[in-house]
Amino acid sequence: MTEQQEPTTGERTPRTAPTKAVTVQKLLSRPKGATLAEIIDATNWLPHSARAFMTGLRKKGHNLFRECRTNGEISWRIER
């Protein structure tokens, strides 16, 4: 360690921005849910990463519903 660096105390600084996981859960909690494209745009994830996250939510016990919107898009929604 150089003289300019201070030792770390193990304390973390709190996040000011929501995580991507929180962002996706908020999108899925909306009454109209979210499409895969909306999730990708909000997180910059690849499609397989967005689908894997939704699979993880199911495994954690969230009820995830697939719905077809009037314009033909498929959306997913968390039922609380």
PDB file of N, CA and C in Angstrom:
ATOM      1  N   MET A   1       0.852  -1.161   0.000  1.00  0.00           N
ATOM      2  CA  MET A   1       0.000   0.000   0.000  1.00  0.00           C
ATOM      3  C   MET A   1       0.907   1.236   0.000  1.00  0.00           C
ATOM      4  N   THR A   2       0.599   2.170  -0.859  1.00  0.00           N
ATOM      5  CA  THR A   2       1.386   3.399  -0.905  1.00  0.00           C
ATOM      6  C   THR A   2       0.874   4.373   0.142  1.00  0.00           C
ATOM      7  N   GLU A   3       1.632   5.410   0.365  1.00  0.00           N
ATOM      8  CA  GLU A   3       1.252   6.396   1.380  1.00  0.00           C
ATOM      9  C   GLU A   3      -0.022   7.145   1.007  1.00  0.00           C
ATOM     10  N   GLN A   4      -0.321   7.249  -0.290  1.00  0.00           N
ATOM     11  CA  GLN A   4      -1.481   8.015  -0.721  1.00  0.00           C
ATOM     12  C   GLN A   4      -2.784   7.250  -0.515  1.00  0.00           C
ATOM     13  N   GLN A   5      -2.722   5.921  -0.474  1.00  0.00           N
ATOM     14  CA  GLN A   5      -3.928   5.126  -0.307  1.00  0.00           C
ATOM     15  C   GLN A   5      -4.255   5.000   1.173  1.00  0.00           C
ATOM     16  N   GLU A   6      -5.531   5.122   1.471  1.00  0.00           N
ATOM     17  CA  GLU A   6      -5.961   4.946   2.846  1.00  0.00           C
ATOM     18  C   GLU A   6      -6.487   3.524   3.015  1.00  0.00           C
ATOM     19  N   PRO A   7      -6.272   2.923   4.150  1.00  0.00           N
ATOM     20  CA  PRO A   7      -6.784   1.567   4.350  1.00  0.00           C
ATOM     21  C   PRO A   7      -8.311   1.567   4.347  1.00  0.00           C
ATOM     22  N   THR A   8      -8.870   0.508   3.826  1.00  0.00           N
ATOM     23  CA  THR A   8     -10.326   0.404   3.794  1.00  0.00           C
ATOM     24  C   THR A   8     -10.812  -0.165   5.113  1.00  0.00           C
ATOM     25  N   THR A   9     -11.963   0.275   5.524  1.00  0.00           N
ATOM     26  CA  THR A   9     -12.534  -0.183   6.791  1.00  0.00           C
ATOM     27  C   THR A   9     -13.590  -1.249   6.569  1.00  0.00           C
ATOM     28  N   GLY A  10     -13.848  -1.603   5.319  1.00  0.00           N
ATOM     29  CA  GLY A  10     -14.868  -2.595   5.026  1.00  0.00           C
ATOM     30  C   GLY A  10     -16.258  -2.005   4.898  1.00  0.00           C
ATOM     31  N   GLU A  11     -16.380  -0.712   5.084  1.00  0.00           N
ATOM     32  CA  GLU A  11     -17.688  -0.069   4.952  1.00  0.00           C
ATOM     33  C   GLU A  11     -17.966   0.181   3.483  1.00  0.00           C
ATOM     34  N   ARG A  12     -19.201  -0.018   3.114  1.00  0.00           N
ATOM     35  CA  ARG A  12     -19.614   0.217   1.730  1.00  0.00           C
ATOM     36  C   ARG A  12     -20.413   1.506   1.655  1.00  0.00           C
ATOM     37  N   THR A  13     -20.266   2.175   0.542  1.00  0.00           N
ATOM     38  CA  THR A  13     -21.071   3.371   0.333  1.00  0.00           C
ATOM     39  C   THR A  13     -22.427   2.944  -0.212  1.00  0.00           C
ATOM     40  N   PRO A  14     -23.505   3.551   0.241  1.00  0.00           N
ATOM     41  CA  PRO A  14     -24.831   3.155  -0.239  1.00  0.00           C
ATOM     42  C   PRO A  14     -25.018   3.531  -1.702  1.00  0.00           C
ATOM     43  N   ARG A  15     -25.786   2.712  -2.392  1.00  0.00           N
ATOM     44  CA  ARG A  15     -26.089   2.988  -3.802  1.00  0.00           C
ATOM     45  C   ARG A  15     -27.077   4.139  -3.886  1.00  0.00           C
ATOM     46  N   THR A  16     -26.855   4.987  -4.873  1.00  0.00           N
ATOM     47  CA  THR A  16     -27.808   6.078  -5.071  1.00  0.00           C
ATOM     48  C   THR A  16     -28.798   5.722  -6.164  1.00  0.00           C
ATOM     49  N   ALA A  17     -28.383   4.924  -7.126  1.00  0.00           N
ATOM     50  CA  ALA A  17     -29.269   4.520  -8.217  1.00  0.00           C
ATOM     51  C   ALA A  17     -29.788   3.108  -7.938  1.00  0.00           C
ATOM     52  N   PRO A  18     -31.021   2.822  -8.365  1.00  0.00           N
ATOM     53  CA  PRO A  18     -31.540   1.466  -8.164  1.00  0.00           C
ATOM     54  C   PRO A  18     -30.762   0.457  -9.015  1.00  0.00           C
ATOM     55  N   THR A  19     -30.685  -0.768  -8.541  1.00  0.00           N
ATOM     56  CA  THR A  19     -30.006  -1.808  -9.300  1.00  0.00           C
ATOM     57  C   THR A  19     -30.866  -2.213 -10.494  1.00  0.00           C
ATOM     58  N   LYS A  20     -30.266  -2.936 -11.411  1.00  0.00           N
ATOM     59  CA  LYS A  20     -31.020  -3.411 -12.569  1.00  0.00           C
ATOM     60  C   LYS A  20     -32.112  -4.375 -12.136  1.00  0.00           C
ATOM     61  N   ALA A  21     -31.835  -5.176 -11.126  1.00  0.00           N
ATOM     62  CA  ALA A  21     -32.835  -6.117 -10.630  1.00  0.00           C
ATOM     63  C   ALA A  21     -34.059  -5.372 -10.095  1.00  0.00           C
ATOM     64  N   VAL A  22     -33.833  -4.311  -9.352  1.00  0.00           N
ATOM     65  CA  VAL A  22     -34.949  -3.514  -8.819  1.00  0.00           C
ATOM     66  C   VAL A  22     -35.717  -2.863  -9.966  1.00  0.00           C
ATOM     67  N   THR A  23     -34.991  -2.377 -10.957  1.00  0.00           N
ATOM     68  CA  THR A  23     -35.622  -1.752 -12.118  1.00  0.00           C
ATOM     69  C   THR A  23     -36.537  -2.734 -12.835  1.00  0.00           C
ATOM     70  N   VAL A  24     -36.061  -3.956 -13.056  1.00  0.00           N
ATOM     71  CA  VAL A  24     -36.867  -4.967 -13.756  1.00  0.00           C
ATOM     72  C   VAL A  24     -38.077  -5.357 -12.912  1.00  0.00           C
ATOM     73  N   GLN A  25     -37.893  -5.515 -11.617  1.00  0.00           N
ATOM     74  CA  GLN A  25     -39.031  -5.869 -10.769  1.00  0.00           C
ATOM     75  C   GLN A  25     -40.094  -4.771 -10.774  1.00  0.00           C
ATOM     76  N   LYS A  26     -39.679  -3.517 -10.830  1.00  0.00           N
ATOM     77  CA  LYS A  26     -40.650  -2.422 -10.919  1.00  0.00           C
ATOM     78  C   LYS A  26     -41.395  -2.468 -12.248  1.00  0.00           C
ATOM     79  N   LEU A  27     -40.672  -2.747 -13.337  1.00  0.00           N
ATOM     80  CA  LEU A  27     -41.326  -2.855 -14.643  1.00  0.00           C
ATOM     81  C   LEU A  27     -42.337  -3.995 -14.648  1.00  0.00           C
ATOM     82  N   LEU A  28     -41.960  -5.130 -14.080  1.00  0.00           N
ATOM     83  CA  LEU A  28     -42.846  -6.288 -14.076  1.00  0.00           C
ATOM     84  C   LEU A  28     -44.014  -6.117 -13.114  1.00  0.00           C
ATOM     85  N   SER A  29     -43.900  -5.222 -12.154  1.00  0.00           N
ATOM     86  CA  SER A  29     -44.963  -4.991 -11.181  1.00  0.00           C
ATOM     87  C   SER A  29     -46.030  -4.025 -11.688  1.00  0.00           C
ATOM     88  N   ARG A  30     -45.761  -3.376 -12.806  1.00  0.00           N
ATOM     89  CA  ARG A  30     -46.768  -2.458 -13.358  1.00  0.00           C
ATOM     90  C   ARG A  30     -48.009  -3.245 -13.769  1.00  0.00           C
ATOM     91  N   PRO A  31     -49.174  -2.618 -13.777  1.00  0.00           N
ATOM     92  CA  PRO A  31     -50.395  -3.325 -14.182  1.00  0.00           C
ATOM     93  C   PRO A  31     -50.303  -3.925 -15.584  1.00  0.00           C
ATOM     94  N   LYS A  32     -49.589  -3.247 -16.491  1.00  0.00           N
ATOM     95  CA  LYS A  32     -49.459  -3.778 -17.853  1.00  0.00           C
ATOM     96  C   LYS A  32     -48.226  -4.660 -18.011  1.00  0.00           C
ATOM     97  N   GLY A  33     -47.411  -4.784 -16.965  1.00  0.00           N
ATOM     98  CA  GLY A  33     -46.220  -5.614 -17.028  1.00  0.00           C
ATOM     99  C   GLY A  33     -45.149  -4.998 -17.912  1.00  0.00           C
ATOM    100  N   ALA A  34     -44.297  -5.840 -18.480  1.00  0.00           N
ATOM    101  CA  ALA A  34     -43.213  -5.367 -19.332  1.00  0.00           C
ATOM    102  C   ALA A  34     -42.928  -6.391 -20.424  1.00  0.00           C
ATOM    103  N   THR A  35     -42.570  -5.904 -21.587  1.00  0.00           N
ATOM    104  CA  THR A  35     -42.153  -6.788 -22.667  1.00  0.00           C
ATOM    105  C   THR A  35     -40.656  -7.060 -22.529  1.00  0.00           C
ATOM    106  N   LEU A  36     -40.196  -8.055 -23.243  1.00  0.00           N
ATOM    107  CA  LEU A  36     -38.764  -8.357 -23.226  1.00  0.00           C
ATOM    108  C   LEU A  36     -37.974  -7.155 -23.741  1.00  0.00           C
ATOM    109  N   ALA A  37     -38.486  -6.484 -24.761  1.00  0.00           N
ATOM    110  CA  ALA A  37     -37.806  -5.307 -25.317  1.00  0.00           C
ATOM    111  C   ALA A  37     -37.706  -4.182 -24.288  1.00  0.00           C
ATOM    112  N   GLU A  38     -38.754  -3.980 -23.495  1.00  0.00           N
ATOM    113  CA  GLU A  38     -38.727  -2.938 -22.459  1.00  0.00           C
ATOM    114  C   GLU A  38     -37.691  -3.253 -21.382  1.00  0.00           C
ATOM    115  N   ILE A  39     -37.585  -4.524 -21.025  1.00  0.00           N
ATOM    116  CA  ILE A  39     -36.600  -4.932 -20.026  1.00  0.00           C
ATOM    117  C   ILE A  39     -35.187  -4.740 -20.569  1.00  0.00           C
ATOM    118  N   ILE A  40     -34.973  -5.126 -21.813  1.00  0.00           N
ATOM    119  CA  ILE A  40     -33.657  -4.983 -22.448  1.00  0.00           C
ATOM    120  C   ILE A  40     -33.271  -3.511 -22.532  1.00  0.00           C
ATOM    121  N   ASP A  41     -34.206  -2.659 -22.926  1.00  0.00           N
ATOM    122  CA  ASP A  41     -33.925  -1.223 -23.034  1.00  0.00           C
ATOM    123  C   ASP A  41     -33.589  -0.608 -21.679  1.00  0.00           C
ATOM    124  N   ALA A  42     -34.261  -1.067 -20.623  1.00  0.00           N
ATOM    125  CA  ALA A  42     -34.046  -0.490 -19.290  1.00  0.00           C
ATOM    126  C   ALA A  42     -32.735  -0.938 -18.649  1.00  0.00           C
ATOM    127  N   THR A  43     -32.250  -2.119 -19.051  1.00  0.00           N
ATOM    128  CA  THR A  43     -31.085  -2.694 -18.365  1.00  0.00           C
ATOM    129  C   THR A  43     -29.836  -2.829 -19.229  1.00  0.00           C
ATOM    130  N   ASN A  44     -29.989  -2.757 -20.538  1.00  0.00           N
ATOM    131  CA  ASN A  44     -28.897  -3.036 -21.481  1.00  0.00           C
ATOM    132  C   ASN A  44     -28.435  -4.491 -21.399  1.00  0.00           C
ATOM    133  N   TRP A  45     -29.310  -5.377 -20.932  1.00  0.00           N
ATOM    134  CA  TRP A  45     -29.004  -6.807 -20.906  1.00  0.00           C
ATOM    135  C   TRP A  45     -29.259  -7.393 -22.281  1.00  0.00           C
ATOM    136  N   LEU A  46     -28.655  -8.532 -22.554  1.00  0.00           N
ATOM    137  CA  LEU A  46     -28.975  -9.313 -23.743  1.00  0.00           C
ATOM    138  C   LEU A  46     -30.264 -10.078 -23.471  1.00  0.00           C
ATOM    139  N   PRO A  47     -30.984 -10.481 -24.534  1.00  0.00           N
ATOM    140  CA  PRO A  47     -32.272 -11.166 -24.318  1.00  0.00           C
ATOM    141  C   PRO A  47     -32.170 -12.393 -23.404  1.00  0.00           C
ATOM    142  N   HIS A  48     -31.110 -13.203 -23.567  1.00  0.00           N
ATOM    143  CA  HIS A  48     -31.013 -14.402 -22.739  1.00  0.00           C
ATOM    144  C   HIS A  48     -30.796 -14.050 -21.262  1.00  0.00           C
ATOM    145  N   SER A  49     -30.163 -12.921 -20.992  1.00  0.00           N
ATOM    146  CA  SER A  49     -29.963 -12.498 -19.604  1.00  0.00           C
ATOM    147  C   SER A  49     -31.285 -12.048 -18.982  1.00  0.00           C
ATOM    148  N   ALA A  50     -32.099 -11.341 -19.749  1.00  0.00           N
ATOM    149  CA  ALA A  50     -33.399 -10.889 -19.258  1.00  0.00           C
ATOM    150  C   ALA A  50     -34.305 -12.088 -18.972  1.00  0.00           C
ATOM    151  N   ARG A  51     -34.307 -13.072 -19.871  1.00  0.00           N
ATOM    152  CA  ARG A  51     -35.125 -14.269 -19.647  1.00  0.00           C
ATOM    153  C   ARG A  51     -34.621 -15.059 -18.441  1.00  0.00           C
ATOM    154  N   ALA A  52     -33.308 -15.139 -18.293  1.00  0.00           N
ATOM    155  CA  ALA A  52     -32.733 -15.858 -17.146  1.00  0.00           C
ATOM    156  C   ALA A  52     -33.105 -15.176 -15.834  1.00  0.00           C
ATOM    157  N   PHE A  53     -33.136 -13.855 -15.820  1.00  0.00           N
ATOM    158  CA  PHE A  53     -33.537 -13.132 -14.615  1.00  0.00           C
ATOM    159  C   PHE A  53     -34.979 -13.468 -14.252  1.00  0.00           C
ATOM    160  N   MET A  54     -35.857 -13.528 -15.259  1.00  0.00           N
ATOM    161  CA  MET A  54     -37.253 -13.865 -14.990  1.00  0.00           C
ATOM    162  C   MET A  54     -37.375 -15.303 -14.483  1.00  0.00           C
ATOM    163  N   THR A  55     -36.561 -16.206 -14.994  1.00  0.00           N
ATOM    164  CA  THR A  55     -36.538 -17.575 -14.492  1.00  0.00           C
ATOM    165  C   THR A  55     -36.124 -17.588 -13.025  1.00  0.00           C
ATOM    166  N   GLY A  56     -35.136 -16.769 -12.677  1.00  0.00           N
ATOM    167  CA  GLY A  56     -34.701 -16.663 -11.291  1.00  0.00           C
ATOM    168  C   GLY A  56     -35.816 -16.156 -10.383  1.00  0.00           C
ATOM    169  N   LEU A  57     -36.613 -15.211 -10.882  1.00  0.00           N
ATOM    170  CA  LEU A  57     -37.744 -14.714 -10.096  1.00  0.00           C
ATOM    171  C   LEU A  57     -38.747 -15.833  -9.831  1.00  0.00           C
ATOM    172  N   ARG A  58     -39.009 -16.656 -10.859  1.00  0.00           N
ATOM    173  CA  ARG A  58     -39.934 -17.780 -10.679  1.00  0.00           C
ATOM    174  C   ARG A  58     -39.410 -18.749  -9.625  1.00  0.00           C
ATOM    175  N   LYS A  59     -38.114 -19.025  -9.684  1.00  0.00           N
ATOM    176  CA  LYS A  59     -37.514 -19.955  -8.729  1.00  0.00           C
ATOM    177  C   LYS A  59     -37.549 -19.411  -7.308  1.00  0.00           C
ATOM    178  N   LYS A  60     -37.585 -18.103  -7.173  1.00  0.00           N
ATOM    179  CA  LYS A  60     -37.667 -17.474  -5.850  1.00  0.00           C
ATOM    180  C   LYS A  60     -39.102 -17.394  -5.344  1.00  0.00           C
ATOM    181  N   GLY A  61     -40.055 -17.876  -6.141  1.00  0.00           N
ATOM    182  CA  GLY A  61     -41.439 -17.938  -5.688  1.00  0.00           C
ATOM    183  C   GLY A  61     -42.360 -16.862  -6.211  1.00  0.00           C
ATOM    184  N   HIS A  62     -41.888 -15.999  -7.095  1.00  0.00           N
ATOM    185  CA  HIS A  62     -42.763 -14.974  -7.665  1.00  0.00           C
ATOM    186  C   HIS A  62     -43.669 -15.600  -8.726  1.00  0.00           C
ATOM    187  N   ASN A  63     -44.918 -15.185  -8.746  1.00  0.00           N
ATOM    188  CA  ASN A  63     -45.842 -15.632  -9.781  1.00  0.00           C
ATOM    189  C   ASN A  63     -45.709 -14.701 -10.972  1.00  0.00           C
ATOM    190  N   LEU A  64     -45.180 -15.220 -12.062  1.00  0.00           N
ATOM    191  CA  LEU A  64     -44.934 -14.429 -13.263  1.00  0.00           C
ATOM    192  C   LEU A  64     -45.926 -14.868 -14.331  1.00  0.00           C
ATOM    193  N   PHE A  65     -46.754 -13.925 -14.781  1.00  0.00           N
ATOM    194  CA  PHE A  65     -47.787 -14.231 -15.759  1.00  0.00           C
ATOM    195  C   PHE A  65     -47.411 -13.689 -17.129  1.00  0.00           C
ATOM    196  N   ARG A  66     -47.656 -14.489 -18.134  1.00  0.00           N
ATOM    197  CA  ARG A  66     -47.405 -14.103 -19.525  1.00  0.00           C
ATOM    198  C   ARG A  66     -48.739 -13.690 -20.128  1.00  0.00           C
ATOM    199  N   GLU A  67     -48.760 -12.501 -20.741  1.00  0.00           N
ATOM    200  CA  GLU A  67     -49.989 -11.983 -21.322  1.00  0.00           C
ATOM    201  C   GLU A  67     -49.717 -11.442 -22.717  1.00  0.00           C
ATOM    202  N   CYS A  68     -50.742 -11.448 -23.528  1.00  0.00           N
ATOM    203  CA  CYS A  68     -50.643 -10.875 -24.870  1.00  0.00           C
ATOM    204  C   CYS A  68     -51.358  -9.525 -24.860  1.00  0.00           C
ATOM    205  N   ARG A  69     -50.638  -8.487 -25.254  1.00  0.00           N
ATOM    206  CA  ARG A  69     -51.231  -7.145 -25.319  1.00  0.00           C
ATOM    207  C   ARG A  69     -52.094  -7.028 -26.569  1.00  0.00           C
ATOM    208  N   THR A  70     -52.884  -5.971 -26.635  1.00  0.00           N
ATOM    209  CA  THR A  70     -53.787  -5.785 -27.772  1.00  0.00           C
ATOM    210  C   THR A  70     -53.028  -5.605 -29.087  1.00  0.00           C
ATOM    211  N   ASN A  71     -51.777  -5.117 -29.015  1.00  0.00           N
ATOM    212  CA  ASN A  71     -50.997  -4.935 -30.243  1.00  0.00           C
ATOM    213  C   ASN A  71     -50.223  -6.196 -30.627  1.00  0.00           C
ATOM    214  N   GLY A  72     -50.426  -7.278 -29.880  1.00  0.00           N
ATOM    215  CA  GLY A  72     -49.798  -8.548 -30.209  1.00  0.00           C
ATOM    216  C   GLY A  72     -48.490  -8.820 -29.476  1.00  0.00           C
ATOM    217  N   GLU A  73     -47.971  -7.843 -28.744  1.00  0.00           N
ATOM    218  CA  GLU A  73     -46.729  -8.058 -27.997  1.00  0.00           C
ATOM    219  C   GLU A  73     -46.990  -8.935 -26.780  1.00  0.00           C
ATOM    220  N   ILE A  74     -45.992  -9.724 -26.429  1.00  0.00           N
ATOM    221  CA  ILE A  74     -46.072 -10.548 -25.239  1.00  0.00           C
ATOM    222  C   ILE A  74     -45.461  -9.772 -24.078  1.00  0.00           C
ATOM    223  N   SER A  75     -46.157  -9.738 -22.955  1.00  0.00           N
ATOM    224  CA  SER A  75     -45.636  -9.061 -21.778  1.00  0.00           C
ATOM    225  C   SER A  75     -45.692 -10.023 -20.592  1.00  0.00           C
ATOM    226  N   TRP A  76     -44.843  -9.761 -19.621  1.00  0.00           N
ATOM    227  CA  TRP A  76     -44.808 -10.522 -18.382  1.00  0.00           C
ATOM    228  C   TRP A  76     -45.136  -9.598 -17.234  1.00  0.00           C
ATOM    229  N   ARG A  77     -45.786 -10.150 -16.215  1.00  0.00           N
ATOM    230  CA  ARG A  77     -46.230  -9.347 -15.087  1.00  0.00           C
ATOM    231  C   ARG A  77     -46.107 -10.166 -13.817  1.00  0.00           C
ATOM    232  N   ILE A  78     -45.636  -9.517 -12.741  1.00  0.00           N
ATOM    233  CA  ILE A  78     -45.578 -10.157 -11.431  1.00  0.00           C
ATOM    234  C   ILE A  78     -46.889  -9.870 -10.730  1.00  0.00           C
ATOM    235  N   GLU A  79     -47.546 -10.933 -10.295  1.00  0.00           N
ATOM    236  CA  GLU A  79     -48.775 -10.789  -9.529  1.00  0.00           C
ATOM    237  C   GLU A  79     -48.412 -10.772  -8.059  1.00  0.00           C
ATOM    238  N   ARG A  80     -48.763  -9.725  -7.370  1.00  0.00           N
ATOM    239  CA  ARG A  80     -48.431  -9.598  -5.942  1.00  0.00           C
ATOM    240  C   ARG A  80     -49.624  -9.886  -5.097  1.00  0.00           C
TER     241      ARG A  80
END
